[in-house]
């Protein structure tokens, strides 16, 4: 195996009420793009996030113009959750930012409590 860095991927786990969520960030060097490396890495780190790290939600915020990264996230099973208009300023231009996320709806553990339904006061 060659000791060549072709990219980077990180999870930034949040704290307090967001402790079961993490922000996903990644990049792949230009000469290595288009080979499925990013998609494989995102799938693998997501598996680790939901398994070993016991996270419930992983999300990524990317420039709306980054079609390749959008494709990576969609191919890894992430869903588009929203768009932030003019959210970032890069190279003298405001750009929209899109939010993609994947939620592990199968997570059940001792920390999760059943949701209490509100009763309609008119039925009391």
PDB file of N, CA and C in Angstrom:
ATOM      1  N   UNK A   1       0.845  -1.179   0.000  1.00  0.00           N
ATOM      2  CA  UNK A   1       0.000   0.000   0.000  1.00  0.00           C
ATOM      3  C   UNK A   1       0.890   1.241   0.000  1.00  0.00           C
ATOM      4  N   UNK A   2       0.575   2.188  -0.836  1.00  0.00           N
ATOM      5  CA  UNK A   2       1.337   3.428  -0.912  1.00  0.00           C
ATOM      6  C   UNK A   2       0.923   4.378   0.201  1.00  0.00           C
ATOM      7  N   UNK A   3       1.874   5.114   0.706  1.00  0.00           N
ATOM      8  CA  UNK A   3       1.599   6.111   1.742  1.00  0.00           C
ATOM      9  C   UNK A   3       1.352   7.463   1.092  1.00  0.00           C
ATOM     10  N   UNK A   4       0.246   7.566   0.374  1.00  0.00           N
ATOM     11  CA  UNK A   4      -0.112   8.787  -0.331  1.00  0.00           C
ATOM     12  C   UNK A   4      -1.426   9.304   0.239  1.00  0.00           C
ATOM     13  N   UNK A   5      -1.443  10.580   0.599  1.00  0.00           N
ATOM     14  CA  UNK A   5      -2.684  11.203   1.065  1.00  0.00           C
ATOM     15  C   UNK A   5      -3.457  11.645  -0.167  1.00  0.00           C
ATOM     16  N   UNK A   6      -4.655  11.106  -0.332  1.00  0.00           N
ATOM     17  CA  UNK A   6      -5.492  11.474  -1.478  1.00  0.00           C
ATOM     18  C   UNK A   6      -6.649  12.376  -1.072  1.00  0.00           C
ATOM     19  N   UNK A   7      -6.854  12.520   0.244  1.00  0.00           N
ATOM     20  CA  UNK A   7      -7.951  13.352   0.731  1.00  0.00           C
ATOM     21  C   UNK A   7      -8.039  13.282   2.238  1.00  0.00           C
ATOM     22  N   UNK A   8      -9.146  13.780   2.741  1.00  0.00           N
ATOM     23  CA  UNK A   8      -9.371  13.806   4.189  1.00  0.00           C
ATOM     24  C   UNK A   8     -10.867  13.737   4.449  1.00  0.00           C
ATOM     25  N   UNK A   9     -11.229  13.120   5.558  1.00  0.00           N
ATOM     26  CA  UNK A   9     -12.626  13.063   5.970  1.00  0.00           C
ATOM     27  C   UNK A   9     -12.679  13.169   7.489  1.00  0.00           C
ATOM     28  N   UNK A  10     -13.604  13.972   7.991  1.00  0.00           N
ATOM     29  CA  UNK A  10     -13.726  14.152   9.436  1.00  0.00           C
ATOM     30  C   UNK A  10     -15.187  14.179   9.859  1.00  0.00           C
ATOM     31  N   UNK A  11     -15.404  13.823  11.110  1.00  0.00           N
ATOM     32  CA  UNK A  11     -16.691  13.999  11.768  1.00  0.00           C
ATOM     33  C   UNK A  11     -16.454  14.900  12.967  1.00  0.00           C
ATOM     34  N   UNK A  12     -17.218  15.953  13.072  1.00  0.00           N
ATOM     35  CA  UNK A  12     -17.135  16.845  14.220  1.00  0.00           C
ATOM     36  C   UNK A  12     -18.377  16.611  15.075  1.00  0.00           C
ATOM     37  N   UNK A  13     -18.188  15.805  16.115  1.00  0.00           N
ATOM     38  CA  UNK A  13     -19.319  15.488  16.981  1.00  0.00           C
ATOM     39  C   UNK A  13     -19.682  16.699  17.821  1.00  0.00           C
ATOM     40  N   UNK A  14     -20.961  16.953  17.940  1.00  0.00           N
ATOM     41  CA  UNK A  14     -21.453  18.099  18.690  1.00  0.00           C
ATOM     42  C   UNK A  14     -21.603  17.715  20.166  1.00  0.00           C
ATOM     43  N   UNK A  15     -22.064  18.651  20.988  1.00  0.00           N
ATOM     44  CA  UNK A  15     -22.201  18.363  22.419  1.00  0.00           C
ATOM     45  C   UNK A  15     -23.586  18.762  22.910  1.00  0.00           C
ATOM     46  N   UNK A  16     -23.813  18.523  24.174  1.00  0.00           N
ATOM     47  CA  UNK A  16     -25.064  18.840  24.859  1.00  0.00           C
ATOM     48  C   UNK A  16     -26.251  18.221  24.117  1.00  0.00           C
ATOM     49  N   UNK A  17     -27.241  19.004  23.760  1.00  0.00           N
ATOM     50  CA  UNK A  17     -28.448  18.453  23.135  1.00  0.00           C
ATOM     51  C   UNK A  17     -28.186  17.968  21.709  1.00  0.00           C
ATOM     52  N   UNK A  18     -27.048  18.318  21.147  1.00  0.00           N
ATOM     53  CA  UNK A  18     -26.680  17.868  19.789  1.00  0.00           C
ATOM     54  C   UNK A  18     -25.614  16.765  19.828  1.00  0.00           C
ATOM     55  N   UNK A  19     -25.439  16.132  20.962  1.00  0.00           N
ATOM     56  CA  UNK A  19     -24.347  15.175  21.135  1.00  0.00           C
ATOM     57  C   UNK A  19     -24.491  13.908  20.293  1.00  0.00           C
ATOM     58  N   UNK A  20     -25.655  13.656  19.760  1.00  0.00           N
ATOM     59  CA  UNK A  20     -25.852  12.474  18.922  1.00  0.00           C
ATOM     60  C   UNK A  20     -25.783  12.818  17.434  1.00  0.00           C
ATOM     61  N   UNK A  21     -25.278  14.018  17.119  1.00  0.00           N
ATOM     62  CA  UNK A  21     -25.117  14.484  15.736  1.00  0.00           C
ATOM     63  C   UNK A  21     -23.660  14.828  15.473  1.00  0.00           C
ATOM     64  N   UNK A  22     -23.276  14.776  14.191  1.00  0.00           N
ATOM     65  CA  UNK A  22     -21.924  15.164  13.813  1.00  0.00           C
ATOM     66  C   UNK A  22     -21.933  15.799  12.428  1.00  0.00           C
ATOM     67  N   UNK A  23     -21.057  16.786  12.272  1.00  0.00           N
ATOM     68  CA  UNK A  23     -20.865  17.456  10.990  1.00  0.00           C
ATOM     69  C   UNK A  23     -19.803  16.696  10.202  1.00  0.00           C
ATOM     70  N   UNK A  24     -20.146  16.307   8.988  1.00  0.00           N
ATOM     71  CA  UNK A  24     -19.255  15.585   8.093  1.00  0.00           C
ATOM     72  C   UNK A  24     -18.560  16.574   7.160  1.00  0.00           C
ATOM     73  N   UNK A  25     -17.255  16.460   7.048  1.00  0.00           N
ATOM     74  CA  UNK A  25     -16.479  17.263   6.106  1.00  0.00           C
ATOM     75  C   UNK A  25     -15.501  16.345   5.387  1.00  0.00           C
ATOM     76  N   UNK A  26     -15.249  16.620   4.113  1.00  0.00           N
ATOM     77  CA  UNK A  26     -14.313  15.794   3.355  1.00  0.00           C
ATOM     78  C   UNK A  26     -13.810  16.553   2.131  1.00  0.00           C
ATOM     79  N   UNK A  27     -12.682  16.078   1.614  1.00  0.00           N
ATOM     80  CA  UNK A  27     -12.161  16.549   0.335  1.00  0.00           C
ATOM     81  C   UNK A  27     -11.301  15.449  -0.272  1.00  0.00           C
ATOM     82  N   UNK A  28     -11.196  15.475  -1.570  1.00  0.00           N
ATOM     83  CA  UNK A  28     -10.344  14.551  -2.302  1.00  0.00           C
ATOM     84  C   UNK A  28      -9.526  15.390  -3.279  1.00  0.00           C
ATOM     85  N   UNK A  29      -8.234  15.117  -3.355  1.00  0.00           N
ATOM     86  CA  UNK A  29      -7.362  15.832  -4.269  1.00  0.00           C
ATOM     87  C   UNK A  29      -7.845  15.718  -5.709  1.00  0.00           C
ATOM     88  N   UNK A  30      -7.664  16.780  -6.475  1.00  0.00           N
ATOM     89  CA  UNK A  30      -8.176  16.856  -7.844  1.00  0.00           C
ATOM     90  C   UNK A  30      -7.779  15.652  -8.701  1.00  0.00           C
ATOM     91  N   UNK A  31      -6.551  15.192  -8.553  1.00  0.00           N
ATOM     92  CA  UNK A  31      -6.089  14.083  -9.394  1.00  0.00           C
ATOM     93  C   UNK A  31      -6.705  12.735  -9.027  1.00  0.00           C
ATOM     94  N   UNK A  32      -7.415  12.664  -7.896  1.00  0.00           N
ATOM     95  CA  UNK A  32      -8.032  11.409  -7.446  1.00  0.00           C
ATOM     96  C   UNK A  32      -9.558  11.431  -7.520  1.00  0.00           C
ATOM     97  N   UNK A  33     -10.125  12.522  -7.967  1.00  0.00           N
ATOM     98  CA  UNK A  33     -11.587  12.647  -8.043  1.00  0.00           C
ATOM     99  C   UNK A  33     -12.144  11.772  -9.162  1.00  0.00           C
ATOM    100  N   UNK A  34     -13.425  11.428  -9.015  1.00  0.00           N
ATOM    101  CA  UNK A  34     -14.097  10.630 -10.040  1.00  0.00           C
ATOM    102  C   UNK A  34     -13.812   9.145  -9.968  1.00  0.00           C
ATOM    103  N   UNK A  35     -13.208   8.692  -8.890  1.00  0.00           N
ATOM    104  CA  UNK A  35     -12.861   7.271  -8.727  1.00  0.00           C
ATOM    105  C   UNK A  35     -13.707   6.575  -7.660  1.00  0.00           C
ATOM    106  N   UNK A  36     -14.659   7.305  -7.073  1.00  0.00           N
ATOM    107  CA  UNK A  36     -15.507   6.718  -6.040  1.00  0.00           C
ATOM    108  C   UNK A  36     -14.895   6.743  -4.656  1.00  0.00           C
ATOM    109  N   UNK A  37     -13.749   7.388  -4.517  1.00  0.00           N
ATOM    110  CA  UNK A  37     -13.055   7.421  -3.224  1.00  0.00           C
ATOM    111  C   UNK A  37     -13.902   8.148  -2.172  1.00  0.00           C
ATOM    112  N   UNK A  38     -14.423   9.309  -2.525  1.00  0.00           N
ATOM    113  CA  UNK A  38     -15.211  10.087  -1.563  1.00  0.00           C
ATOM    114  C   UNK A  38     -16.480   9.339  -1.163  1.00  0.00           C
ATOM    115  N   UNK A  39     -17.171   8.758  -2.139  1.00  0.00           N
ATOM    116  CA  UNK A  39     -18.401   8.017  -1.821  1.00  0.00           C
ATOM    117  C   UNK A  39     -18.097   6.860  -0.883  1.00  0.00           C
ATOM    118  N   UNK A  40     -17.035   6.117  -1.165  1.00  0.00           N
ATOM    119  CA  UNK A  40     -16.650   4.993  -0.295  1.00  0.00           C
ATOM    120  C   UNK A  40     -16.320   5.500   1.110  1.00  0.00           C
ATOM    121  N   UNK A  41     -15.563   6.580   1.199  1.00  0.00           N
ATOM    122  CA  UNK A  41     -15.171   7.123   2.505  1.00  0.00           C
ATOM    123  C   UNK A  41     -16.372   7.622   3.289  1.00  0.00           C
ATOM    124  N   UNK A  42     -17.302   8.293   2.615  1.00  0.00           N
ATOM    125  CA  UNK A  42     -18.505   8.798   3.294  1.00  0.00           C
ATOM    126  C   UNK A  42     -19.357   7.630   3.795  1.00  0.00           C
ATOM    127  N   UNK A  43     -19.531   6.614   2.989  1.00  0.00           N
ATOM    128  CA  UNK A  43     -20.299   5.438   3.424  1.00  0.00           C
ATOM    129  C   UNK A  43     -19.641   4.779   4.639  1.00  0.00           C
ATOM    130  N   UNK A  44     -18.336   4.642   4.609  1.00  0.00           N
ATOM    131  CA  UNK A  44     -17.620   3.966   5.701  1.00  0.00           C
ATOM    132  C   UNK A  44     -17.661   4.783   6.992  1.00  0.00           C
ATOM    133  N   UNK A  45     -17.421   6.091   6.906  1.00  0.00           N
ATOM    134  CA  UNK A  45     -17.430   6.897   8.126  1.00  0.00           C
ATOM    135  C   UNK A  45     -18.852   7.007   8.687  1.00  0.00           C
ATOM    136  N   UNK A  46     -19.851   6.949   7.821  1.00  0.00           N
ATOM    137  CA  UNK A  46     -21.244   6.965   8.282  1.00  0.00           C
ATOM    138  C   UNK A  46     -21.562   5.669   9.020  1.00  0.00           C
ATOM    139  N   UNK A  47     -21.062   4.549   8.502  1.00  0.00           N
ATOM    140  CA  UNK A  47     -21.253   3.260   9.179  1.00  0.00           C
ATOM    141  C   UNK A  47     -20.618   3.299  10.569  1.00  0.00           C
ATOM    142  N   UNK A  48     -19.431   3.853  10.669  1.00  0.00           N
ATOM    143  CA  UNK A  48     -18.746   3.980  11.956  1.00  0.00           C
ATOM    144  C   UNK A  48     -19.517   4.927  12.879  1.00  0.00           C
ATOM    145  N   UNK A  49     -20.014   6.022  12.329  1.00  0.00           N
ATOM    146  CA  UNK A  49     -20.765   7.004  13.129  1.00  0.00           C
ATOM    147  C   UNK A  49     -21.990   6.370  13.772  1.00  0.00           C
ATOM    148  N   UNK A  50     -22.742   5.610  12.993  1.00  0.00           N
ATOM    149  CA  UNK A  50     -23.965   5.001  13.520  1.00  0.00           C
ATOM    150  C   UNK A  50     -23.689   3.759  14.354  1.00  0.00           C
ATOM    151  N   UNK A  51     -22.576   3.106  14.120  1.00  0.00           N
ATOM    152  CA  UNK A  51     -22.220   1.912  14.870  1.00  0.00           C
ATOM    153  C   UNK A  51     -21.374   2.227  16.082  1.00  0.00           C
ATOM    154  N   UNK A  52     -20.084   2.332  15.869  1.00  0.00           N
ATOM    155  CA  UNK A  52     -19.129   2.512  16.960  1.00  0.00           C
ATOM    156  C   UNK A  52     -19.348   3.786  17.768  1.00  0.00           C
ATOM    157  N   UNK A  53     -19.704   4.882  17.095  1.00  0.00           N
ATOM    158  CA  UNK A  53     -19.866   6.167  17.790  1.00  0.00           C
ATOM    159  C   UNK A  53     -21.280   6.394  18.322  1.00  0.00           C
ATOM    160  N   UNK A  54     -22.198   5.515  17.974  1.00  0.00           N
ATOM    161  CA  UNK A  54     -23.577   5.576  18.462  1.00  0.00           C
ATOM    162  C   UNK A  54     -24.251   6.926  18.170  1.00  0.00           C
ATOM    163  N   UNK A  55     -23.946   7.497  17.001  1.00  0.00           N
ATOM    164  CA  UNK A  55     -24.596   8.738  16.609  1.00  0.00           C
ATOM    165  C   UNK A  55     -25.953   8.441  15.984  1.00  0.00           C
ATOM    166  N   UNK A  56     -26.789   9.443  15.940  1.00  0.00           N
ATOM    167  CA  UNK A  56     -28.131   9.304  15.368  1.00  0.00           C
ATOM    168  C   UNK A  56     -28.250  10.043  14.038  1.00  0.00           C
ATOM    169  N   UNK A  57     -27.447  11.110  13.862  1.00  0.00           N
ATOM    170  CA  UNK A  57     -27.570  11.948  12.676  1.00  0.00           C
ATOM    171  C   UNK A  57     -26.190  12.460  12.253  1.00  0.00           C
ATOM    172  N   UNK A  58     -25.917  12.350  10.958  1.00  0.00           N
ATOM    173  CA  UNK A  58     -24.702  12.896  10.379  1.00  0.00           C
ATOM    174  C   UNK A  58     -25.134  13.840   9.261  1.00  0.00           C
ATOM    175  N   UNK A  59     -24.529  15.030   9.223  1.00  0.00           N
ATOM    176  CA  UNK A  59     -24.942  16.004   8.211  1.00  0.00           C
ATOM    177  C   UNK A  59     -23.732  16.701   7.606  1.00  0.00           C
ATOM    178  N   UNK A  60     -23.942  17.261   6.420  1.00  0.00           N
ATOM    179  CA  UNK A  60     -22.893  17.987   5.703  1.00  0.00           C
ATOM    180  C   UNK A  60     -23.490  19.264   5.131  1.00  0.00           C
ATOM    181  N   UNK A  61     -22.686  20.321   5.154  1.00  0.00           N
ATOM    182  CA  UNK A  61     -23.076  21.595   4.551  1.00  0.00           C
ATOM    183  C   UNK A  61     -22.079  21.895   3.436  1.00  0.00           C
ATOM    184  N   UNK A  62     -22.574  22.007   2.207  1.00  0.00           N
ATOM    185  CA  UNK A  62     -21.681  22.207   1.070  1.00  0.00           C
ATOM    186  C   UNK A  62     -22.205  23.325   0.177  1.00  0.00           C
ATOM    187  N   UNK A  63     -21.324  23.844  -0.654  1.00  0.00           N
ATOM    188  CA  UNK A  63     -21.740  24.878  -1.609  1.00  0.00           C
ATOM    189  C   UNK A  63     -22.725  24.267  -2.602  1.00  0.00           C
ATOM    190  N   UNK A  64     -23.792  24.991  -2.887  1.00  0.00           N
ATOM    191  CA  UNK A  64     -24.826  24.497  -3.798  1.00  0.00           C
ATOM    192  C   UNK A  64     -24.287  24.277  -5.213  1.00  0.00           C
ATOM    193  N   UNK A  65     -23.175  24.909  -5.550  1.00  0.00           N
ATOM    194  CA  UNK A  65     -22.582  24.765  -6.878  1.00  0.00           C
ATOM    195  C   UNK A  65     -21.674  23.539  -6.993  1.00  0.00           C
ATOM    196  N   UNK A  66     -21.461  22.831  -5.887  1.00  0.00           N
ATOM    197  CA  UNK A  66     -20.559  21.681  -5.883  1.00  0.00           C
ATOM    198  C   UNK A  66     -21.332  20.400  -6.217  1.00  0.00           C
ATOM    199  N   UNK A  67     -21.639  20.246  -7.497  1.00  0.00           N
ATOM    200  CA  UNK A  67     -22.423  19.098  -7.956  1.00  0.00           C
ATOM    201  C   UNK A  67     -21.791  17.755  -7.654  1.00  0.00           C
ATOM    202  N   UNK A  68     -20.470  17.676  -7.715  1.00  0.00           N
ATOM    203  CA  UNK A  68     -19.785  16.406  -7.440  1.00  0.00           C
ATOM    204  C   UNK A  68     -19.994  15.979  -5.993  1.00  0.00           C
ATOM    205  N   UNK A  69     -19.922  16.927  -5.068  1.00  0.00           N
ATOM    206  CA  UNK A  69     -20.101  16.593  -3.656  1.00  0.00           C
ATOM    207  C   UNK A  69     -21.564  16.241  -3.363  1.00  0.00           C
ATOM    208  N   UNK A  70     -22.478  16.923  -4.023  1.00  0.00           N
ATOM    209  CA  UNK A  70     -23.898  16.573  -3.882  1.00  0.00           C
ATOM    210  C   UNK A  70     -24.124  15.131  -4.336  1.00  0.00           C
ATOM    211  N   UNK A  71     -23.513  14.752  -5.446  1.00  0.00           N
ATOM    212  CA  UNK A  71     -23.638  13.379  -5.955  1.00  0.00           C
ATOM    213  C   UNK A  71     -23.053  12.369  -4.970  1.00  0.00           C
ATOM    214  N   UNK A  72     -21.913  12.706  -4.365  1.00  0.00           N
ATOM    215  CA  UNK A  72     -21.296  11.825  -3.362  1.00  0.00           C
ATOM    216  C   UNK A  72     -22.277  11.563  -2.226  1.00  0.00           C
ATOM    217  N   UNK A  73     -22.848  12.636  -1.680  1.00  0.00           N
ATOM    218  CA  UNK A  73     -23.767  12.497  -0.550  1.00  0.00           C
ATOM    219  C   UNK A  73     -25.017  11.722  -0.935  1.00  0.00           C
ATOM    220  N   UNK A  74     -25.584  12.016  -2.081  1.00  0.00           N
ATOM    221  CA  UNK A  74     -26.780  11.291  -2.524  1.00  0.00           C
ATOM    222  C   UNK A  74     -26.472   9.816  -2.749  1.00  0.00           C
ATOM    223  N   UNK A  75     -25.327   9.509  -3.341  1.00  0.00           N
ATOM    224  CA  UNK A  75     -24.936   8.105  -3.555  1.00  0.00           C
ATOM    225  C   UNK A  75     -24.670   7.377  -2.245  1.00  0.00           C
ATOM    226  N   UNK A  76     -24.359   8.126  -1.192  1.00  0.00           N
ATOM    227  CA  UNK A  76     -24.126   7.528   0.129  1.00  0.00           C
ATOM    228  C   UNK A  76     -25.406   7.479   0.964  1.00  0.00           C
ATOM    229  N   UNK A  77     -26.534   7.860   0.368  1.00  0.00           N
ATOM    230  CA  UNK A  77     -27.821   7.750   1.060  1.00  0.00           C
ATOM    231  C   UNK A  77     -28.241   8.963   1.854  1.00  0.00           C
ATOM    232  N   UNK A  78     -27.572  10.076   1.667  1.00  0.00           N
ATOM    233  CA  UNK A  78     -27.927  11.309   2.368  1.00  0.00           C
ATOM    234  C   UNK A  78     -29.068  12.004   1.629  1.00  0.00           C
ATOM    235  N   UNK A  79     -29.890  12.728   2.374  1.00  0.00           N
ATOM    236  CA  UNK A  79     -31.045  13.422   1.801  1.00  0.00           C
ATOM    237  C   UNK A  79     -30.867  14.931   1.934  1.00  0.00           C
ATOM    238  N   UNK A  80     -31.322  15.644   0.924  1.00  0.00           N
ATOM    239  CA  UNK A  80     -31.292  17.107   0.936  1.00  0.00           C
ATOM    240  C   UNK A  80     -32.330  17.599   1.944  1.00  0.00           C
ATOM    241  N   UNK A  81     -31.894  18.406   2.898  1.00  0.00           N
ATOM    242  CA  UNK A  81     -32.803  18.919   3.935  1.00  0.00           C
ATOM    243  C   UNK A  81     -33.113  20.395   3.782  1.00  0.00           C
ATOM    244  N   UNK A  82     -32.299  21.119   3.037  1.00  0.00           N
ATOM    245  CA  UNK A  82     -32.581  22.536   2.878  1.00  0.00           C
ATOM    246  C   UNK A  82     -31.454  23.292   2.213  1.00  0.00           C
ATOM    247  N   UNK A  83     -31.751  24.546   1.900  1.00  0.00           N
ATOM    248  CA  UNK A  83     -30.790  25.437   1.260  1.00  0.00           C
ATOM    249  C   UNK A  83     -30.717  26.740   2.042  1.00  0.00           C
ATOM    250  N   UNK A  84     -29.513  27.178   2.325  1.00  0.00           N
ATOM    251  CA  UNK A  84     -29.269  28.443   3.002  1.00  0.00           C
ATOM    252  C   UNK A  84     -28.826  29.448   1.936  1.00  0.00           C
ATOM    253  N   UNK A  85     -29.636  30.443   1.684  1.00  0.00           N
ATOM    254  CA  UNK A  85     -29.346  31.437   0.654  1.00  0.00           C
ATOM    255  C   UNK A  85     -28.194  32.345   1.064  1.00  0.00           C
ATOM    256  N   UNK A  86     -27.268  32.576   0.129  1.00  0.00           N
ATOM    257  CA  UNK A  86     -26.127  33.472   0.345  1.00  0.00           C
ATOM    258  C   UNK A  86     -25.431  33.225   1.682  1.00  0.00           C
ATOM    259  N   UNK A  87     -25.234  31.978   2.006  1.00  0.00           N
ATOM    260  CA  UNK A  87     -24.711  31.603   3.329  1.00  0.00           C
ATOM    261  C   UNK A  87     -23.199  31.732   3.458  1.00  0.00           C
ATOM    262  N   UNK A  88     -22.480  31.666   2.347  1.00  0.00           N
ATOM    263  CA  UNK A  88     -21.028  31.761   2.404  1.00  0.00           C
ATOM    264  C   UNK A  88     -20.543  32.805   1.401  1.00  0.00           C
ATOM    265  N   UNK A  89     -19.402  33.380   1.702  1.00  0.00           N
ATOM    266  CA  UNK A  89     -18.778  34.388   0.840  1.00  0.00           C
ATOM    267  C   UNK A  89     -17.433  33.845   0.404  1.00  0.00           C
ATOM    268  N   UNK A  90     -17.299  33.520  -0.883  1.00  0.00           N
ATOM    269  CA  UNK A  90     -16.074  32.902  -1.390  1.00  0.00           C
ATOM    270  C   UNK A  90     -15.663  33.593  -2.687  1.00  0.00           C
ATOM    271  N   UNK A  91     -14.416  33.995  -2.743  1.00  0.00           N
ATOM    272  CA  UNK A  91     -13.873  34.639  -3.929  1.00  0.00           C
ATOM    273  C   UNK A  91     -14.704  35.829  -4.386  1.00  0.00           C
ATOM    274  N   UNK A  92     -15.188  36.610  -3.416  1.00  0.00           N
ATOM    275  CA  UNK A  92     -15.926  37.818  -3.735  1.00  0.00           C
ATOM    276  C   UNK A  92     -17.370  37.616  -4.132  1.00  0.00           C
ATOM    277  N   UNK A  93     -17.880  36.406  -3.933  1.00  0.00           N
ATOM    278  CA  UNK A  93     -19.250  36.081  -4.342  1.00  0.00           C
ATOM    279  C   UNK A  93     -19.975  35.373  -3.194  1.00  0.00           C
ATOM    280  N   UNK A  94     -21.244  35.720  -2.994  1.00  0.00           N
ATOM    281  CA  UNK A  94     -22.075  34.987  -2.047  1.00  0.00           C
ATOM    282  C   UNK A  94     -22.589  33.721  -2.724  1.00  0.00           C
ATOM    283  N   UNK A  95     -22.530  32.614  -2.009  1.00  0.00           N
ATOM    284  CA  UNK A  95     -22.991  31.329  -2.524  1.00  0.00           C
ATOM    285  C   UNK A  95     -24.022  30.714  -1.589  1.00  0.00           C
ATOM    286  N   UNK A  96     -24.971  30.014  -2.175  1.00  0.00           N
ATOM    287  CA  UNK A  96     -25.906  29.238  -1.371  1.00  0.00           C
ATOM    288  C   UNK A  96     -25.175  28.023  -0.806  1.00  0.00           C
ATOM    289  N   UNK A  97     -25.658  27.549   0.322  1.00  0.00           N
ATOM    290  CA  UNK A  97     -25.115  26.345   0.950  1.00  0.00           C
ATOM    291  C   UNK A  97     -26.263  25.367   1.107  1.00  0.00           C
ATOM    292  N   UNK A  98     -26.032  24.101   0.790  1.00  0.00           N
ATOM    293  CA  UNK A  98     -27.069  23.083   0.935  1.00  0.00           C
ATOM    294  C   UNK A  98     -26.738  22.174   2.112  1.00  0.00           C
ATOM    295  N   UNK A  99     -27.791  21.705   2.746  1.00  0.00           N
ATOM    296  CA  UNK A  99     -27.668  20.818   3.897  1.00  0.00           C
ATOM    297  C   UNK A  99     -28.152  19.435   3.499  1.00  0.00           C
ATOM    298  N   UNK A 100     -27.286  18.452   3.669  1.00  0.00           N
ATOM    299  CA  UNK A 100     -27.622  17.050   3.438  1.00  0.00           C
ATOM    300  C   UNK A 100     -27.414  16.305   4.745  1.00  0.00           C
ATOM    301  N   UNK A 101     -28.258  15.319   5.010  1.00  0.00           N
ATOM    302  CA  UNK A 101     -28.119  14.555   6.248  1.00  0.00           C
ATOM    303  C   UNK A 101     -28.575  13.122   6.060  1.00  0.00           C
ATOM    304  N   UNK A 102     -28.088  12.284   6.957  1.00  0.00           N
ATOM    305  CA  UNK A 102     -28.535  10.896   7.042  1.00  0.00           C
ATOM    306  C   UNK A 102     -28.830  10.620   8.501  1.00  0.00           C
ATOM    307  N   UNK A 103     -29.978  10.032   8.753  1.00  0.00           N
ATOM    308  CA  UNK A 103     -30.424   9.750  10.118  1.00  0.00           C
ATOM    309  C   UNK A 103     -30.554   8.243  10.280  1.00  0.00           C
ATOM    310  N   UNK A 104     -30.059   7.742  11.399  1.00  0.00           N
ATOM    311  CA  UNK A 104     -30.182   6.323  11.721  1.00  0.00           C
ATOM    312  C   UNK A 104     -31.462   6.128  12.518  1.00  0.00           C
ATOM    313  N   UNK A 105     -32.542   5.854  11.819  1.00  0.00           N
ATOM    314  CA  UNK A 105     -33.830   5.688  12.487  1.00  0.00           C
ATOM    315  C   UNK A 105     -33.914   4.381  13.265  1.00  0.00           C
ATOM    316  N   UNK A 106     -32.918   3.520  13.113  1.00  0.00           N
ATOM    317  CA  UNK A 106     -32.902   2.260  13.838  1.00  0.00           C
ATOM    318  C   UNK A 106     -32.265   2.367  15.215  1.00  0.00           C
ATOM    319  N   UNK A 107     -31.765   3.549  15.571  1.00  0.00           N
ATOM    320  CA  UNK A 107     -31.099   3.720  16.860  1.00  0.00           C
ATOM    321  C   UNK A 107     -32.099   3.591  17.997  1.00  0.00           C
ATOM    322  N   UNK A 108     -31.874   2.619  18.846  1.00  0.00           N
ATOM    323  CA  UNK A 108     -32.684   2.456  20.051  1.00  0.00           C
ATOM    324  C   UNK A 108     -31.725   2.084  21.167  1.00  0.00           C
ATOM    325  N   UNK A 109     -31.683   2.896  22.191  1.00  0.00           N
ATOM    326  CA  UNK A 109     -30.836   2.576  23.326  1.00  0.00           C
ATOM    327  C   UNK A 109     -31.434   3.172  24.591  1.00  0.00           C
ATOM    328  N   UNK A 110     -30.743   3.008  25.684  1.00  0.00           N
ATOM    329  CA  UNK A 110     -31.285   3.429  26.980  1.00  0.00           C
ATOM    330  C   UNK A 110     -31.429   4.941  27.092  1.00  0.00           C
ATOM    331  N   UNK A 111     -30.717   5.697  26.255  1.00  0.00           N
ATOM    332  CA  UNK A 111     -30.798   7.149  26.331  1.00  0.00           C
ATOM    333  C   UNK A 111     -32.065   7.690  25.652  1.00  0.00           C
ATOM    334  N   UNK A 112     -32.648   6.903  24.736  1.00  0.00           N
ATOM    335  CA  UNK A 112     -33.832   7.342  24.004  1.00  0.00           C
ATOM    336  C   UNK A 112     -35.069   7.056  24.834  1.00  0.00           C
ATOM    337  N   UNK A 113     -35.867   8.080  25.041  1.00  0.00           N
ATOM    338  CA  UNK A 113     -37.098   7.935  25.814  1.00  0.00           C
ATOM    339  C   UNK A 113     -38.294   7.977  24.865  1.00  0.00           C
ATOM    340  N   UNK A 114     -39.371   7.298  25.223  1.00  0.00           N
ATOM    341  CA  UNK A 114     -40.555   7.342  24.362  1.00  0.00           C
ATOM    342  C   UNK A 114     -41.116   8.764  24.308  1.00  0.00           C
ATOM    343  N   UNK A 115     -41.621   9.120  23.158  1.00  0.00           N
ATOM    344  CA  UNK A 115     -42.199  10.448  22.959  1.00  0.00           C
ATOM    345  C   UNK A 115     -43.601  10.478  23.568  1.00  0.00           C
ATOM    346  N   UNK A 116     -43.847  11.494  24.383  1.00  0.00           N
ATOM    347  CA  UNK A 116     -45.165  11.639  24.984  1.00  0.00           C
ATOM    348  C   UNK A 116     -46.045  12.449  24.052  1.00  0.00           C
ATOM    349  N   UNK A 117     -47.246  11.954  23.795  1.00  0.00           N
ATOM    350  CA  UNK A 117     -48.172  12.670  22.919  1.00  0.00           C
ATOM    351  C   UNK A 117     -48.959  13.675  23.749  1.00  0.00           C
ATOM    352  N   UNK A 118     -49.121  14.837  23.192  1.00  0.00           N
ATOM    353  CA  UNK A 118     -49.911  15.871  23.835  1.00  0.00           C
ATOM    354  C   UNK A 118     -51.388  15.529  23.656  1.00  0.00           C
ATOM    355  N   UNK A 119     -52.128  15.642  24.730  1.00  0.00           N
ATOM    356  CA  UNK A 119     -53.569  15.403  24.651  1.00  0.00           C
ATOM    357  C   UNK A 119     -54.274  16.698  24.292  1.00  0.00           C
ATOM    358  N   UNK A 120     -55.273  16.570  23.455  1.00  0.00           N
ATOM    359  CA  UNK A 120     -56.085  17.723  23.083  1.00  0.00           C
ATOM    360  C   UNK A 120     -56.941  18.091  24.313  1.00  0.00           C
ATOM    361  N   UNK A 121     -56.812  19.326  24.773  1.00  0.00           N
ATOM    362  CA  UNK A 121     -57.530  19.741  25.987  1.00  0.00           C
ATOM    363  C   UNK A 121     -59.043  19.704  25.786  1.00  0.00           C
ATOM    364  N   UNK A 122     -59.513  19.767  24.558  1.00  0.00           N
ATOM    365  CA  UNK A 122     -60.963  19.722  24.333  1.00  0.00           C
ATOM    366  C   UNK A 122     -61.533  18.341  24.558  1.00  0.00           C
ATOM    367  N   UNK A 123     -60.664  17.311  24.534  1.00  0.00           N
ATOM    368  CA  UNK A 123     -61.150  15.954  24.743  1.00  0.00           C
ATOM    369  C   UNK A 123     -61.132  15.554  26.205  1.00  0.00           C
ATOM    370  N   UNK A 124     -60.703  16.448  27.074  1.00  0.00           N
ATOM    371  CA  UNK A 124     -60.606  16.126  28.492  1.00  0.00           C
ATOM    372  C   UNK A 124     -61.879  16.475  29.215  1.00  0.00           C
TER     373      UNK A 124
END
